[in-house]
PDB file of all heavy atoms in Angstrom:
ATOM      1  N   LYS A   1     -37.458 126.321  72.652  1.00  0.00           N
ATOM      2  CA  LYS A   1     -37.358 125.368  73.755  1.00  0.00           C
ATOM      3  C   LYS A   1     -36.585 124.137  73.304  1.00  0.00           C
ATOM      4  O   LYS A   1     -36.737 123.662  72.193  1.00  0.00           O
ATOM      5  CB  LYS A   1     -38.744 124.989  74.248  1.00  0.00           C
ATOM      6  CG  LYS A   1     -39.458 126.158  74.920  1.00  0.00           C
ATOM      7  CD  LYS A   1     -40.773 125.714  75.485  1.00  0.00           C
ATOM      8  CE  LYS A   1     -41.567 126.845  76.064  1.00  0.00           C
ATOM      9  NZ  LYS A   1     -41.000 127.470  77.218  1.00  0.00           N
ATOM     10  N   LEU A   2     -35.764 123.647  74.173  1.00  0.00           N
ATOM     11  CA  LEU A   2     -34.889 122.525  73.847  1.00  0.00           C
ATOM     12  C   LEU A   2     -35.654 121.215  73.685  1.00  0.00           C
ATOM     13  O   LEU A   2     -35.421 120.461  72.748  1.00  0.00           O
ATOM     14  CB  LEU A   2     -33.821 122.373  74.943  1.00  0.00           C
ATOM     15  CG  LEU A   2     -32.863 121.204  74.806  1.00  0.00           C
ATOM     16  CD1 LEU A   2     -32.004 121.369  73.556  1.00  0.00           C
ATOM     17  CD2 LEU A   2     -31.987 121.114  76.042  1.00  0.00           C
ATOM     18  N   VAL A   3     -36.558 120.929  74.601  1.00  0.00           N
ATOM     19  CA  VAL A   3     -37.231 119.631  74.604  1.00  0.00           C
ATOM     20  C   VAL A   3     -38.421 119.656  73.650  1.00  0.00           C
ATOM     21  O   VAL A   3     -39.394 120.371  73.858  1.00  0.00           O
ATOM     22  CB  VAL A   3     -37.680 119.232  76.023  1.00  0.00           C
ATOM     23  CG1 VAL A   3     -38.407 117.895  75.995  1.00  0.00           C
ATOM     24  CG2 VAL A   3     -36.478 119.169  76.956  1.00  0.00           C
ATOM     25  N   ASP A   4     -38.290 118.854  72.603  1.00  0.00           N
ATOM     26  CA  ASP A   4     -39.377 118.615  71.663  1.00  0.00           C
ATOM     27  C   ASP A   4     -39.248 117.166  71.184  1.00  0.00           C
ATOM     28  O   ASP A   4     -38.395 116.418  71.660  1.00  0.00           O
ATOM     29  CB  ASP A   4     -39.375 119.615  70.503  1.00  0.00           C
ATOM     30  CG  ASP A   4     -38.102 119.578  69.662  1.00  0.00           C
ATOM     31  OD1 ASP A   4     -37.315 118.615  69.778  1.00  0.00           O
ATOM     32  OD2 ASP A   4     -37.891 120.513  68.875  1.00  0.00           O
ATOM     33  N   ARG A   5     -40.086 116.751  70.258  1.00  0.00           N
ATOM     34  CA  ARG A   5     -40.053 115.369  69.772  1.00  0.00           C
ATOM     35  C   ARG A   5     -38.681 114.986  69.209  1.00  0.00           C
ATOM     36  O   ARG A   5     -38.156 113.922  69.504  1.00  0.00           O
ATOM     37  CB  ARG A   5     -41.117 115.188  68.697  1.00  0.00           C
ATOM     38  CG  ARG A   5     -42.154 114.189  69.075  1.00  0.00           C
ATOM     39  CD  ARG A   5     -43.236 114.035  68.018  1.00  0.00           C
ATOM     40  NE  ARG A   5     -44.525 114.119  68.681  1.00  0.00           N
ATOM     41  CZ  ARG A   5     -45.304 115.180  68.692  1.00  0.00           C
ATOM     42  NH1 ARG A   5     -44.982 116.252  68.054  1.00  0.00           N
ATOM     43  NH2 ARG A   5     -46.438 115.151  69.340  1.00  0.00           N
ATOM     44  N   ASP A   6     -38.112 115.874  68.398  1.00  0.00           N
ATOM     45  CA  ASP A   6     -36.804 115.588  67.792  1.00  0.00           C
ATOM     46  C   ASP A   6     -35.716 115.449  68.853  1.00  0.00           C
ATOM     47  O   ASP A   6     -34.853 114.572  68.756  1.00  0.00           O
ATOM     48  CB  ASP A   6     -36.413 116.684  66.796  1.00  0.00           C
ATOM     49  CG  ASP A   6     -37.300 116.694  65.560  1.00  0.00           C
ATOM     50  OD1 ASP A   6     -37.881 115.632  65.234  1.00  0.00           O
ATOM     51  OD2 ASP A   6     -37.402 117.751  64.932  1.00  0.00           O
ATOM     52  N   PHE A   7     -35.759 116.305  69.862  1.00  0.00           N
ATOM     53  CA  PHE A   7     -34.765 116.241  70.930  1.00  0.00           C
ATOM     54  C   PHE A   7     -34.849 114.909  71.676  1.00  0.00           C
ATOM     55  O   PHE A   7     -33.830 114.272  71.952  1.00  0.00           O
ATOM     56  CB  PHE A   7     -34.951 117.408  71.906  1.00  0.00           C
ATOM     57  CG  PHE A   7     -34.009 117.371  73.072  1.00  0.00           C
ATOM     58  CD1 PHE A   7     -32.690 117.770  72.932  1.00  0.00           C
ATOM     59  CD2 PHE A   7     -34.436 116.931  74.318  1.00  0.00           C
ATOM     60  CE1 PHE A   7     -31.807 117.741  74.003  1.00  0.00           C
ATOM     61  CE2 PHE A   7     -33.568 116.893  75.390  1.00  0.00           C
ATOM     62  CZ  PHE A   7     -32.253 117.301  75.234  1.00  0.00           C
ATOM     63  N   VAL A   8     -36.063 114.485  71.992  1.00  0.00           N
ATOM     64  CA  VAL A   8     -36.245 113.210  72.707  1.00  0.00           C
ATOM     65  C   VAL A   8     -35.741 112.053  71.850  1.00  0.00           C
ATOM     66  O   VAL A   8     -35.082 111.141  72.353  1.00  0.00           O
ATOM     67  CB  VAL A   8     -37.713 113.017  73.137  1.00  0.00           C
ATOM     68  CG1 VAL A   8     -37.932 111.619  73.711  1.00  0.00           C
ATOM     69  CG2 VAL A   8     -38.110 114.079  74.161  1.00  0.00           C
ATOM     70  N   GLU A   9     -35.992 112.095  70.560  1.00  0.00           N
ATOM     71  CA  GLU A   9     -35.471 111.057  69.662  1.00  0.00           C
ATOM     72  C   GLU A   9     -33.942 111.081  69.622  1.00  0.00           C
ATOM     73  O   GLU A   9     -33.300 110.031  69.589  1.00  0.00           O
ATOM     74  CB  GLU A   9     -36.052 111.220  68.260  1.00  0.00           C
ATOM     75  CG  GLU A   9     -37.512 110.834  68.187  1.00  0.00           C
ATOM     76  CD  GLU A   9     -38.135 111.102  66.826  1.00  0.00           C
ATOM     77  OE1 GLU A   9     -37.407 111.460  65.876  1.00  0.00           O
ATOM     78  OE2 GLU A   9     -39.363 110.948  66.717  1.00  0.00           O
ATOM     79  N   ASP A  10     -33.361 112.281  69.618  1.00  0.00           N
ATOM     80  CA  ASP A  10     -31.897 112.398  69.659  1.00  0.00           C
ATOM     81  C   ASP A  10     -31.340 111.816  70.954  1.00  0.00           C
ATOM     82  O   ASP A  10     -30.335 111.093  70.941  1.00  0.00           O
ATOM     83  CB  ASP A  10     -31.456 113.858  69.522  1.00  0.00           C
ATOM     84  CG  ASP A  10     -31.699 114.415  68.128  1.00  0.00           C
ATOM     85  OD1 ASP A  10     -31.927 113.623  67.184  1.00  0.00           O
ATOM     86  OD2 ASP A  10     -31.661 115.660  67.996  1.00  0.00           O
ATOM     87  N   ILE A  11     -31.994 112.118  72.068  1.00  0.00           N
ATOM     88  CA  ILE A  11     -31.560 111.586  73.364  1.00  0.00           C
ATOM     89  C   ILE A  11     -31.653 110.061  73.360  1.00  0.00           C
ATOM     90  O   ILE A  11     -30.767 109.366  73.847  1.00  0.00           O
ATOM     91  CB  ILE A  11     -32.403 112.179  74.515  1.00  0.00           C
ATOM     92  CG1 ILE A  11     -32.105 113.657  74.681  1.00  0.00           C
ATOM     93  CG2 ILE A  11     -32.178 111.437  75.825  1.00  0.00           C
ATOM     94  CD1 ILE A  11     -30.730 113.968  75.195  1.00  0.00           C
ATOM     95  N   GLU A  12     -32.721 109.549  72.779  1.00  0.00           N
ATOM     96  CA  GLU A  12     -32.880 108.093  72.672  1.00  0.00           C
ATOM     97  C   GLU A  12     -31.724 107.488  71.877  1.00  0.00           C
ATOM     98  O   GLU A  12     -31.176 106.448  72.253  1.00  0.00           O
ATOM     99  CB  GLU A  12     -34.203 107.772  71.986  1.00  0.00           C
ATOM    100  CG  GLU A  12     -34.417 106.302  71.753  1.00  0.00           C
ATOM    101  CD  GLU A  12     -35.636 106.023  70.892  1.00  0.00           C
ATOM    102  OE1 GLU A  12     -36.267 106.969  70.375  1.00  0.00           O
ATOM    103  OE2 GLU A  12     -35.940 104.834  70.720  1.00  0.00           O
ATOM    104  N   PHE A  13     -31.341 108.130  70.811  1.00  0.00           N
ATOM    105  CA  PHE A  13     -30.285 107.627  69.930  1.00  0.00           C
ATOM    106  C   PHE A  13     -28.904 107.647  70.602  1.00  0.00           C
ATOM    107  O   PHE A  13     -28.116 106.724  70.428  1.00  0.00           O
ATOM    108  CB  PHE A  13     -30.256 108.455  68.644  1.00  0.00           C
ATOM    109  CG  PHE A  13     -29.207 108.021  67.667  1.00  0.00           C
ATOM    110  CD1 PHE A  13     -29.344 106.840  66.951  1.00  0.00           C
ATOM    111  CD2 PHE A  13     -28.068 108.780  67.482  1.00  0.00           C
ATOM    112  CE1 PHE A  13     -28.364 106.427  66.049  1.00  0.00           C
ATOM    113  CE2 PHE A  13     -27.083 108.389  66.594  1.00  0.00           C
ATOM    114  CZ  PHE A  13     -27.233 107.207  65.880  1.00  0.00           C
ATOM    115  N   ILE A  14     -28.607 108.679  71.374  1.00  0.00           N
ATOM    116  CA  ILE A  14     -27.255 108.822  71.933  1.00  0.00           C
ATOM    117  C   ILE A  14     -27.076 108.213  73.319  1.00  0.00           C
ATOM    118  O   ILE A  14     -25.950 108.121  73.805  1.00  0.00           O
ATOM    119  CB  ILE A  14     -26.796 110.301  71.959  1.00  0.00           C
ATOM    120  CG1 ILE A  14     -27.660 111.123  72.912  1.00  0.00           C
ATOM    121  CG2 ILE A  14     -26.767 110.877  70.566  1.00  0.00           C
ATOM    122  CD1 ILE A  14     -27.130 112.522  73.144  1.00  0.00           C
ATOM    123  N   THR A  15     -28.160 107.789  73.951  1.00  0.00           N
ATOM    124  CA  THR A  15     -28.035 107.207  75.287  1.00  0.00           C
ATOM    125  C   THR A  15     -28.098 105.689  75.231  1.00  0.00           C
ATOM    126  O   THR A  15     -28.668 105.107  74.312  1.00  0.00           O
ATOM    127  CB  THR A  15     -29.142 107.712  76.231  1.00  0.00           C
ATOM    128  OG1 THR A  15     -30.421 107.437  75.645  1.00  0.00           O
ATOM    129  CG2 THR A  15     -28.997 109.193  76.510  1.00  0.00           C
ATOM    130  N   GLU A  16     -27.517 105.090  76.237  1.00  0.00           N
ATOM    131  CA  GLU A  16     -27.573 103.638  76.372  1.00  0.00           C
ATOM    132  C   GLU A  16     -28.756 103.263  77.242  1.00  0.00           C
ATOM    133  O   GLU A  16     -29.314 104.100  77.954  1.00  0.00           O
ATOM    134  CB  GLU A  16     -26.286 103.139  77.025  1.00  0.00           C
ATOM    135  CG  GLU A  16     -25.049 103.409  76.201  1.00  0.00           C
ATOM    136  CD  GLU A  16     -23.779 102.949  76.899  1.00  0.00           C
ATOM    137  OE1 GLU A  16     -23.860 102.311  77.965  1.00  0.00           O
ATOM    138  OE2 GLU A  16     -22.707 103.240  76.367  1.00  0.00           O
ATOM    139  N   LYS A  17     -29.125 101.999  77.218  1.00  0.00           N
ATOM    140  CA  LYS A  17     -30.181 101.514  78.085  1.00  0.00           C
ATOM    141  C   LYS A  17     -29.810 101.803  79.532  1.00  0.00           C
ATOM    142  O   LYS A  17     -28.647 101.750  79.913  1.00  0.00           O
ATOM    143  CB  LYS A  17     -30.414 100.018  77.888  1.00  0.00           C
ATOM    144  CG  LYS A  17     -31.066  99.700  76.573  1.00  0.00           C
ATOM    145  CD  LYS A  17     -31.375  98.237  76.453  1.00  0.00           C
ATOM    146  CE  LYS A  17     -32.043  97.996  75.107  1.00  0.00           C
ATOM    147  NZ  LYS A  17     -32.461  96.636  74.943  1.00  0.00           N
ATOM    148  N   ASN A  18     -30.817 102.117  80.322  1.00  0.00           N
ATOM    149  CA  ASN A  18     -30.697 102.443  81.748  1.00  0.00           C
ATOM    150  C   ASN A  18     -30.008 103.773  82.027  1.00  0.00           C
ATOM    151  O   ASN A  18     -29.639 104.046  83.159  1.00  0.00           O
ATOM    152  CB  ASN A  18     -30.029 101.315  82.530  1.00  0.00           C
ATOM    153  CG  ASN A  18     -30.871 100.064  82.520  1.00  0.00           C
ATOM    154  OD1 ASN A  18     -32.090 100.133  82.697  1.00  0.00           O
ATOM    155  ND2 ASN A  18     -30.255  98.932  82.283  1.00  0.00           N
ATOM    156  N   SER A  19     -29.836 104.601  80.997  1.00  0.00           N
ATOM    157  CA  SER A  19     -29.332 105.953  81.231  1.00  0.00           C
ATOM    158  C   SER A  19     -30.413 106.767  81.926  1.00  0.00           C
ATOM    159  O   SER A  19     -31.610 106.582  81.679  1.00  0.00           O
ATOM    160  CB  SER A  19     -28.985 106.635  79.913  1.00  0.00           C
ATOM    161  OG  SER A  19     -27.921 105.994  79.273  1.00  0.00           O
ATOM    162  N   LEU A  20     -29.999 107.681  82.788  1.00  0.00           N
ATOM    163  CA  LEU A  20     -30.933 108.585  83.449  1.00  0.00           C
ATOM    164  C   LEU A  20     -30.876 109.944  82.768  1.00  0.00           C
ATOM    165  O   LEU A  20     -29.797 110.474  82.515  1.00  0.00           O
ATOM    166  CB  LEU A  20     -30.585 108.745  84.929  1.00  0.00           C
ATOM    167  CG  LEU A  20     -30.696 107.501  85.786  1.00  0.00           C
ATOM    168  CD1 LEU A  20     -30.295 107.813  87.219  1.00  0.00           C
ATOM    169  CD2 LEU A  20     -32.110 106.932  85.753  1.00  0.00           C
ATOM    170  N   ILE A  21     -32.037 110.502  82.512  1.00  0.00           N
ATOM    171  CA  ILE A  21     -32.146 111.839  81.946  1.00  0.00           C
ATOM    172  C   ILE A  21     -32.894 112.668  82.977  1.00  0.00           C
ATOM    173  O   ILE A  21     -33.997 112.314  83.402  1.00  0.00           O
ATOM    174  CB  ILE A  21     -32.912 111.848  80.597  1.00  0.00           C
ATOM    175  CG1 ILE A  21     -32.107 111.133  79.504  1.00  0.00           C
ATOM    176  CG2 ILE A  21     -33.191 113.260  80.146  1.00  0.00           C
ATOM    177  CD1 ILE A  21     -32.262 109.676  79.470  1.00  0.00           C
ATOM    178  N   ILE A  22     -32.289 113.760  83.388  1.00  0.00           N
ATOM    179  CA  ILE A  22     -32.917 114.638  84.372  1.00  0.00           C
ATOM    180  C   ILE A  22     -33.334 115.919  83.658  1.00  0.00           C
ATOM    181  O   ILE A  22     -32.522 116.587  83.027  1.00  0.00           O
ATOM    182  CB  ILE A  22     -31.967 114.952  85.533  1.00  0.00           C
ATOM    183  CG1 ILE A  22     -31.569 113.647  86.229  1.00  0.00           C
ATOM    184  CG2 ILE A  22     -32.620 115.921  86.512  1.00  0.00           C
ATOM    185  CD1 ILE A  22     -30.499 113.805  87.273  1.00  0.00           C
ATOM    186  N   PHE A  23     -34.605 116.233  83.762  1.00  0.00           N
ATOM    187  CA  PHE A  23     -35.162 117.440  83.163  1.00  0.00           C
ATOM    188  C   PHE A  23     -35.706 118.302  84.293  1.00  0.00           C
ATOM    189  O   PHE A  23     -36.377 117.802  85.191  1.00  0.00           O
ATOM    190  CB  PHE A  23     -36.294 117.082  82.194  1.00  0.00           C
ATOM    191  CG  PHE A  23     -37.101 118.265  81.753  1.00  0.00           C
ATOM    192  CD1 PHE A  23     -36.620 119.091  80.746  1.00  0.00           C
ATOM    193  CD2 PHE A  23     -38.306 118.569  82.342  1.00  0.00           C
ATOM    194  CE1 PHE A  23     -37.339 120.194  80.333  1.00  0.00           C
ATOM    195  CE2 PHE A  23     -39.036 119.674  81.936  1.00  0.00           C
ATOM    196  CZ  PHE A  23     -38.553 120.484  80.935  1.00  0.00           C
ATOM    197  N   ALA A  24     -35.418 119.593  84.255  1.00  0.00           N
ATOM    198  CA  ALA A  24     -35.922 120.507  85.278  1.00  0.00           C
ATOM    199  C   ALA A  24     -36.467 121.767  84.633  1.00  0.00           C
ATOM    200  O   ALA A  24     -35.925 122.255  83.639  1.00  0.00           O
ATOM    201  CB  ALA A  24     -34.812 120.863  86.251  1.00  0.00           C
ATOM    202  N   SER A  25     -37.522 122.275  85.208  1.00  0.00           N
ATOM    203  CA  SER A  25     -38.089 123.536  84.744  1.00  0.00           C
ATOM    204  C   SER A  25     -38.931 124.131  85.864  1.00  0.00           C
ATOM    205  O   SER A  25     -39.484 123.411  86.699  1.00  0.00           O
ATOM    206  CB  SER A  25     -38.962 123.317  83.509  1.00  0.00           C
ATOM    207  OG  SER A  25     -39.552 124.531  83.104  1.00  0.00           O
ATOM    208  N   ASP A  26     -39.031 125.457  85.848  1.00  0.00           N
ATOM    209  CA  ASP A  26     -39.924 126.136  86.784  1.00  0.00           C
ATOM    210  C   ASP A  26     -41.203 126.589  86.076  1.00  0.00           C
ATOM    211  O   ASP A  26     -42.048 127.232  86.667  1.00  0.00           O
ATOM    212  CB  ASP A  26     -39.229 127.325  87.447  1.00  0.00           C
ATOM    213  CG  ASP A  26     -38.790 128.388  86.456  1.00  0.00           C
ATOM    214  OD1 ASP A  26     -39.064 128.242  85.251  1.00  0.00           O
ATOM    215  OD2 ASP A  26     -38.159 129.367  86.886  1.00  0.00           O
ATOM    216  N   ASN A  27     -41.359 126.200  84.817  1.00  0.00           N
ATOM    217  CA  ASN A  27     -42.505 126.600  84.013  1.00  0.00           C
ATOM    218  C   ASN A  27     -43.430 125.405  83.833  1.00  0.00           C
ATOM    219  O   ASN A  27     -43.047 124.403  83.220  1.00  0.00           O
ATOM    220  CB  ASN A  27     -42.025 127.129  82.658  1.00  0.00           C
ATOM    221  CG  ASN A  27     -43.151 127.593  81.781  1.00  0.00           C
ATOM    222  OD1 ASN A  27     -43.828 126.771  81.170  1.00  0.00           O
ATOM    223  ND2 ASN A  27     -43.354 128.894  81.719  1.00  0.00           N
TER     224      ASN A  27
END
């Protein structure tokens, strides 16, 4: 699975303040 603690930290590092992250799943 893509979303884990490390992934969220990576997203935090590469995004700027006020960036929107959209996550979708049917599970």
